[in-house]
Every structure is written in C-alpha cells, then in structure tokens.
C-alpha cells in the first residue's frame, strides 16, 4: 500500500503501463483476409487485370461472411471486431470496386466518371457508419439500405458478365447510371430482406426445394451472366418496394448510441433479436 501521494501516482502509472489489448485472433484474421483480397483487387485493377480484380472482390465477400460466422461460433464477437470489419469493408467493398469501375469503364467520361465513383465510395462509407452508430435499427429480418458487400458484388459481377458477353464497357453511361444508383440505394432507407428468418435446418414446404433447384439450374446455365442478373434483381426489387412503399412498414427497434457488438452486418441483425453481451 503506497504511503504517499507520489507512491500512489507511481503505482497508477505502472498499472497503466501493464494494460494491454486482448483480441480474438481467428475472426479478426478472417477480416484481415477480407482486407487483403480488397487490396489485391486494387493492385490487379491498376495492372489492367480487371477480371482477376473482380474475383478478388468476390473472395473478399466470402471472408466477410466467414469472420462473422466464426465470431459467433466461437462466442468471440467484440466491439473491436465490429469496428475493424467496417474499416476493412470500406477498402474491399468501397474503394476497390470504385477504382475498378473507373479504370475499367468510366475513365473516358472524365470528371463525371470519377465523381460517380467517389459517390459510390462515400455512400458506402456512410452506409457502414450509419449502421454502426444509428439510433433506430430496422427489424432483424431486413437491412436498411442495400448492404455494401452486395453493391460491390454487383460491380464485380458486372465486370464478369461484360467480359463473358464480349461487351465493350468503355465510357458506358449505363454503367455510370448503375454506379450512381447503387450509391444512392446504399444510403436509402429501403428495406432489403436479410433472409435470416429462413432456417434451412428446419422443415419447410416442398416447393422451397423446387425453388432452390430452379435457382441453381438458372445460375448454372450461364453463371457469369446470371449472377449479375440475380444481384441486380435483388437491388432493384428493394428499390421498387421502397419507392412505392410496398410491403410492411419498417419496425423500429430499441434506441442506442452504438449498435450491438457484432463483427458484420448480418451478425448484428441476428444479435438484435437476442440480448447482446459484452465478449471482451
């Protein structure tokens, strides 16, 4: 026990120096792989390897799903993981697809081309920030606005589809329109189904199996093109329902300054239904 104020101050300083940050390695390692894939995509874009860059974004999306699954499976969700995941997502699903779009298709359009790409990055970052710190969170079965990994997936699949079809994307105003539309839809309040309520481990009607089989057959016929069509359909349906206010009204959840501790958007939606606990 310190006998003077100086000794007490020294003891406090020594205690402060002993404080260390402890993090969960496995889920955050998956998040780092997500970041690496996004960075690799940027490098390949700068080299003119647009197809490889597109597949790298797809790989980043896979790692983005894995980190959350692993965090929940090992009960290692944390605020650090949530913040780190969002920072990596800005690179992999914001900066990487925007640079890919600009150098692959929109550079001939000049200023309007790079402004459209910047809008995509900015809206993606705002989308992530709003999700992390928003006051009113939508119900667990829906996302509020198009998720940024889906927007990046649409960009990547468009490159793959155009390459497969042999179309020239140079200076395409259709792709510019798609870029601006994706940016606006990300920061919208349109409701997008998360499919969290669809539990494939439980018994479901037989027609669900037929529907799943039909989707597999359609995609398998020409996967490079049909994936782009499916992603665009998902984005368009949410926007149409939002514009014409179809479906149920958005259910508001309890208010909070910070969102619950989850490693990515899908996991946060799932944790809202249960009472989240501090894991670190």
Protein backbone atom coordinates (compact mmCIF):
# COMPACT_ATOMS: atom_id res chain seq x y z
CA UNK A 1 0.00 0.00 0.00
CA UNK A 2 1.55 3.33 -1.06
CA UNK A 3 2.37 5.62 1.86
CA UNK A 4 2.43 8.91 -0.07
CA UNK A 5 0.74 10.63 -2.96
CA UNK A 6 3.93 10.22 -5.07
CA UNK A 7 3.96 6.48 -4.49
CA UNK A 8 0.27 6.31 -5.35
CA UNK A 9 0.90 8.19 -8.59
CA UNK A 10 3.80 5.88 -9.49
CA UNK A 11 1.66 2.83 -8.77
CA UNK A 12 -1.10 4.18 -11.04
CA UNK A 13 1.38 4.83 -13.85
CA UNK A 14 2.85 1.35 -13.53
CA UNK A 15 -0.64 -0.15 -13.63
CA UNK A 16 -1.42 1.86 -16.74
CA UNK A 17 1.67 0.55 -18.50
CA UNK A 18 0.56 -3.02 -17.83
CA UNK A 19 -2.76 -2.56 -19.61
CA UNK A 20 -2.81 -4.48 -22.90
CA UNK A 21 -5.41 -5.03 -25.57
CA UNK A 22 -6.63 -8.58 -25.97
CA UNK A 23 -8.42 -9.52 -29.19
CA UNK A 24 -9.83 -12.69 -30.72
CA UNK A 25 -7.38 -13.85 -33.37
CA UNK A 26 -9.40 -16.16 -35.63
CA UNK A 27 -12.34 -13.92 -36.65
CA UNK A 28 -10.10 -10.86 -36.97
CA UNK A 29 -7.69 -12.89 -39.09
CA UNK A 30 -10.59 -13.60 -41.48
CA UNK A 31 -11.34 -9.88 -41.54
CA UNK A 32 -7.68 -9.23 -42.42
CA UNK A 33 -8.01 -11.72 -45.29
CA UNK A 34 -11.02 -9.68 -46.44
CA UNK A 35 -8.82 -6.56 -46.41
CA UNK A 36 -6.02 -8.38 -48.25
CA UNK A 37 -8.40 -9.50 -51.00
CA UNK A 38 -9.67 -5.92 -51.40
CA UNK A 39 -6.11 -4.57 -51.59
CA UNK A 40 -5.18 -7.31 -54.07
CA UNK A 41 -8.18 -6.28 -56.19
CA UNK A 42 -6.89 -2.69 -56.32
CA UNK A 43 -3.41 -3.86 -57.36
CA UNK A 44 -4.86 -6.02 -60.16
CA UNK A 45 -7.06 -3.15 -61.34
CA UNK A 46 -4.04 -0.86 -61.61
CA UNK A 47 -2.33 -3.58 -63.67
CA UNK A 48 -5.32 -3.78 -66.01
CA UNK A 49 -6.34 -7.27 -64.83
CA UNK A 50 -9.98 -6.35 -64.35
CA UNK A 51 -11.36 -9.90 -64.31
CA UNK A 52 -8.93 -11.01 -61.59
CA UNK A 53 -9.78 -7.86 -59.62
CA UNK A 54 -13.47 -8.76 -59.80
CA UNK A 55 -12.91 -12.26 -58.49
CA UNK A 56 -10.79 -10.82 -55.67
CA UNK A 57 -13.80 -8.76 -54.54
CA UNK A 58 -15.89 -11.95 -54.53
CA UNK A 59 -13.23 -13.62 -52.36
CA UNK A 60 -13.32 -10.62 -50.01
CA UNK A 61 -17.09 -11.08 -49.66
CA UNK A 62 -16.58 -14.74 -48.71
CA UNK A 63 -14.12 -13.80 -45.97
CA UNK A 64 -16.53 -11.09 -44.82
CA UNK A 65 -19.15 -13.76 -44.22
CA UNK A 66 -16.69 -16.15 -42.59
CA UNK A 67 -15.43 -13.73 -39.94
CA UNK A 68 -18.91 -13.19 -38.53
CA UNK A 69 -19.79 -16.87 -38.57
CA UNK A 70 -16.56 -17.77 -36.79
CA UNK A 71 -17.02 -14.99 -34.23
CA UNK A 72 -20.47 -16.25 -33.30
CA UNK A 73 -19.49 -19.89 -33.40
CA UNK A 74 -16.59 -19.30 -31.02
CA UNK A 75 -18.51 -16.68 -28.96
CA UNK A 76 -15.87 -14.09 -29.72
CA UNK A 77 -17.81 -11.10 -31.02
CA UNK A 78 -16.41 -7.75 -29.88
CA UNK A 79 -16.61 -4.01 -30.44
CA UNK A 80 -13.06 -4.12 -31.80
CA UNK A 81 -14.11 -6.72 -34.37
CA UNK A 82 -17.11 -4.65 -35.45
CA UNK A 83 -15.03 -1.51 -35.98
CA UNK A 84 -12.19 -3.37 -37.72
CA UNK A 85 -14.67 -5.12 -40.00
CA UNK A 86 -16.22 -1.81 -41.06
CA UNK A 87 -12.82 -0.27 -41.85
CA UNK A 88 -11.87 -3.28 -43.98
CA UNK A 89 -15.24 -3.20 -45.74
CA UNK A 90 -14.65 0.40 -46.84
CA UNK A 91 -11.49 -0.77 -48.65
CA UNK A 92 -12.77 -4.07 -50.05
CA UNK A 93 -16.32 -3.06 -50.96
CA UNK A 94 -15.98 0.71 -51.36
CA UNK A 95 -12.57 1.76 -52.67
CA UNK A 96 -11.72 -1.43 -54.62
CA UNK A 97 -14.94 -1.61 -56.71
CA UNK A 98 -14.92 2.17 -57.29
CA UNK A 99 -11.37 2.12 -58.69
CA UNK A 100 -12.29 -0.97 -60.73
CA UNK A 101 -15.32 0.80 -62.21
CA UNK A 102 -13.36 3.93 -63.06
CA UNK A 103 -10.40 2.30 -64.78
CA UNK A 104 -12.47 -0.43 -66.42
CA UNK A 105 -15.32 1.67 -67.81
CA UNK A 106 -15.81 5.25 -66.62
CA UNK A 107 -12.41 6.91 -67.16
CA UNK A 108 -13.35 8.14 -70.69
CA UNK A 109 -16.26 10.10 -69.18
CA UNK A 110 -13.80 12.38 -67.41
CA UNK A 111 -14.86 14.28 -64.32
CA UNK A 112 -18.37 12.84 -64.15
CA UNK A 113 -16.83 9.36 -64.20
CA UNK A 114 -14.58 9.79 -61.18
CA UNK A 115 -17.20 11.83 -59.31
CA UNK A 116 -19.66 8.95 -59.75
CA UNK A 117 -17.07 6.51 -58.41
CA UNK A 118 -16.32 8.79 -55.46
CA UNK A 119 -20.05 8.95 -54.72
CA UNK A 120 -20.05 5.15 -54.55
CA UNK A 121 -17.18 5.17 -52.02
CA UNK A 122 -18.67 7.98 -49.92
CA UNK A 123 -22.15 6.45 -49.77
CA UNK A 124 -20.65 3.06 -48.90
CA UNK A 125 -18.69 4.60 -46.01
CA UNK A 126 -21.77 6.48 -44.83
CA UNK A 127 -23.78 3.27 -45.04
CA UNK A 128 -21.32 1.49 -42.73
CA UNK A 129 -21.08 4.43 -40.32
CA UNK A 130 -24.86 4.73 -40.11
CA UNK A 131 -25.17 1.04 -39.44
CA UNK A 132 -22.62 1.17 -36.61
CA UNK A 133 -23.97 4.27 -34.90
CA UNK A 134 -27.58 4.63 -35.98
CA UNK A 135 -30.25 5.34 -33.39
CA UNK A 136 -33.14 3.41 -34.92
CA UNK A 137 -32.25 -0.05 -36.17
CA UNK A 138 -34.55 -1.88 -38.55
CA UNK A 139 -36.04 -5.24 -37.67
CA UNK A 140 -33.75 -8.24 -37.74
CA UNK A 141 -35.14 -9.77 -40.93
CA UNK A 142 -34.34 -6.71 -43.04
CA UNK A 143 -31.40 -4.45 -43.88
CA UNK A 144 -31.91 -0.70 -44.10
CA UNK A 145 -30.47 0.24 -47.47
CA UNK A 146 -28.54 -2.03 -49.81
CA UNK A 147 -25.64 -3.73 -47.96
CA UNK A 148 -22.26 -2.55 -49.26
CA UNK A 149 -20.97 -6.12 -49.95
CA UNK A 150 -23.96 -6.63 -52.26
CA UNK A 151 -23.25 -3.33 -54.06
CA UNK A 152 -19.62 -4.39 -54.53
CA UNK A 153 -20.82 -7.81 -55.71
CA UNK A 154 -22.95 -6.14 -58.38
CA UNK A 155 -19.92 -4.19 -59.61
CA UNK A 156 -17.72 -7.30 -59.66
CA UNK A 157 -20.37 -9.43 -61.38
CA UNK A 158 -20.94 -6.71 -64.00
CA UNK A 159 -17.26 -6.94 -64.99
CA UNK A 160 -17.51 -10.74 -65.17
CA UNK A 161 -20.76 -10.57 -67.20
CA UNK A 162 -19.49 -7.95 -69.68
CA UNK A 163 -16.30 -9.95 -70.21
CA UNK A 164 -18.25 -13.16 -70.82
CA UNK A 165 -20.64 -11.46 -73.26
CA UNK A 166 -17.84 -9.62 -75.03
CA UNK A 167 -19.40 -6.20 -74.47
CA UNK A 168 -17.28 -3.06 -74.50
CA UNK A 169 -17.76 -1.14 -71.21
CA UNK A 170 -15.64 1.87 -72.21
CA UNK A 171 -17.46 5.12 -71.47
CA UNK A 172 -20.75 3.32 -70.79
CA UNK A 173 -23.37 5.73 -69.45
CA UNK A 174 -25.44 2.72 -68.39
CA UNK A 175 -22.65 1.70 -66.01
CA UNK A 176 -22.38 5.29 -64.78
CA UNK A 177 -26.10 5.26 -64.04
CA UNK A 178 -25.71 1.92 -62.25
CA UNK A 179 -22.87 3.34 -60.13
CA UNK A 180 -24.88 6.38 -59.03
CA UNK A 181 -27.98 4.26 -58.42
CA UNK A 182 -26.07 1.80 -56.23
CA UNK A 183 -24.60 4.69 -54.24
CA UNK A 184 -28.00 6.23 -53.56
CA UNK A 185 -29.65 2.92 -52.73
CA UNK A 186 -26.94 2.14 -50.15
CA UNK A 187 -27.80 5.26 -48.12
CA UNK A 188 -31.54 4.92 -48.65
CA UNK A 189 -33.98 3.62 -46.06
CA UNK A 190 -35.30 0.95 -48.42
CA UNK A 191 -35.80 -2.43 -46.76
CA UNK A 192 -33.82 -5.37 -48.10
CA UNK A 193 -34.59 -8.87 -46.98
CA UNK A 194 -31.77 -10.48 -44.97
CA UNK A 195 -33.33 -13.99 -45.16
CA UNK A 196 -32.33 -14.50 -41.54
CA UNK A 197 -35.77 -15.91 -40.79
CA UNK A 198 -35.28 -18.67 -43.37
CA UNK A 199 -33.91 -21.56 -41.30
CA UNK A 200 -32.71 -24.30 -43.65
CA UNK A 201 -32.19 -26.69 -40.73
CA UNK A 202 -35.94 -26.92 -40.09
CA UNK A 203 -38.75 -28.48 -42.09
CA UNK A 204 -40.02 -26.32 -44.93
CA UNK A 205 -42.68 -26.84 -47.63
CA UNK A 206 -41.62 -28.96 -50.60
CA UNK A 207 -41.87 -26.04 -53.03
CA UNK A 208 -38.91 -24.37 -51.29
CA UNK A 209 -36.72 -27.21 -52.54
CA UNK A 210 -38.11 -26.82 -56.07
CA UNK A 211 -37.46 -23.07 -55.93
CA UNK A 212 -33.87 -23.63 -54.77
CA UNK A 213 -33.32 -26.21 -57.51
CA UNK A 214 -34.69 -23.78 -60.09
CA UNK A 215 -32.29 -21.04 -58.99
CA UNK A 216 -29.32 -23.43 -59.16
CA UNK A 217 -30.30 -24.52 -62.69
CA UNK A 218 -30.76 -20.93 -63.91
CA UNK A 219 -27.40 -19.83 -62.49
CA UNK A 220 -25.62 -22.93 -63.80
CA UNK A 221 -26.80 -22.24 -67.37
CA UNK A 222 -24.50 -19.21 -67.55
CA UNK A 223 -23.17 -18.35 -64.11
CA UNK A 224 -21.05 -15.39 -65.27
CA UNK A 225 -24.14 -13.55 -66.50
CA UNK A 226 -26.90 -14.90 -64.27
CA UNK A 227 -25.18 -13.92 -61.03
CA UNK A 228 -25.16 -10.31 -62.23
CA UNK A 229 -28.85 -10.61 -63.14
CA UNK A 230 -29.75 -12.08 -59.72
CA UNK A 231 -27.79 -9.41 -57.80
CA UNK A 232 -29.33 -6.60 -59.85
CA UNK A 233 -32.80 -8.08 -59.35
CA UNK A 234 -32.28 -8.11 -55.58
CA UNK A 235 -31.18 -4.45 -55.63
CA UNK A 236 -33.98 -3.37 -57.97
CA UNK A 237 -36.78 -5.12 -56.06
CA UNK A 238 -35.81 -3.43 -52.79
CA UNK A 239 -35.68 -0.03 -54.51
CA UNK A 240 -39.05 -0.53 -56.22
CA UNK A 241 -40.71 -1.63 -52.99
CA UNK A 242 -39.15 1.32 -51.20
CA UNK A 243 -40.16 3.93 -53.79
CA UNK A 244 -43.77 2.76 -53.99
CA UNK A 245 -43.90 1.96 -50.26
CA UNK A 246 -44.97 -1.63 -50.80
CA UNK A 247 -44.86 -4.23 -48.05
CA UNK A 248 -44.93 -3.66 -44.29
CA UNK A 249 -43.77 -0.52 -42.57
CA UNK A 250 -40.32 -0.63 -41.02
CA UNK A 251 -40.36 -1.83 -37.44
CA UNK A 252 -38.19 0.24 -35.14
CA UNK A 253 -36.01 -1.38 -32.55
CA UNK A 254 -34.76 -0.06 -29.25
CA UNK A 255 -32.61 3.06 -29.43
CA UNK A 256 -28.92 3.08 -28.64
CA UNK A 257 -25.97 5.30 -29.34
CA UNK A 258 -23.85 2.42 -30.59
CA UNK A 259 -25.04 -0.70 -32.29
CA UNK A 260 -24.62 -4.06 -30.51
CA UNK A 261 -21.23 -5.74 -30.75
CA UNK A 262 -21.12 -7.84 -33.90
CA UNK A 263 -18.46 -8.48 -36.49
CA UNK A 264 -20.51 -7.64 -39.55
CA UNK A 265 -23.93 -6.50 -40.67
CA UNK A 266 -25.54 -9.92 -40.90
CA UNK A 267 -24.39 -10.87 -37.39
CA UNK A 268 -25.57 -7.59 -35.91
CA UNK A 269 -29.04 -8.18 -37.30
CA UNK A 270 -29.05 -11.64 -35.75
CA UNK A 271 -27.85 -10.39 -32.37
CA UNK A 272 -30.59 -7.76 -32.16
CA UNK A 273 -33.17 -10.49 -31.59
CA UNK A 274 -31.22 -11.82 -28.62
CA UNK A 275 -29.81 -9.76 -25.77
CA UNK A 276 -26.21 -8.99 -26.78
CA UNK A 277 -23.45 -9.49 -24.23
CA UNK A 278 -20.00 -7.96 -23.93
CA UNK A 279 -17.47 -10.55 -25.03
CA UNK A 280 -14.22 -8.71 -24.39
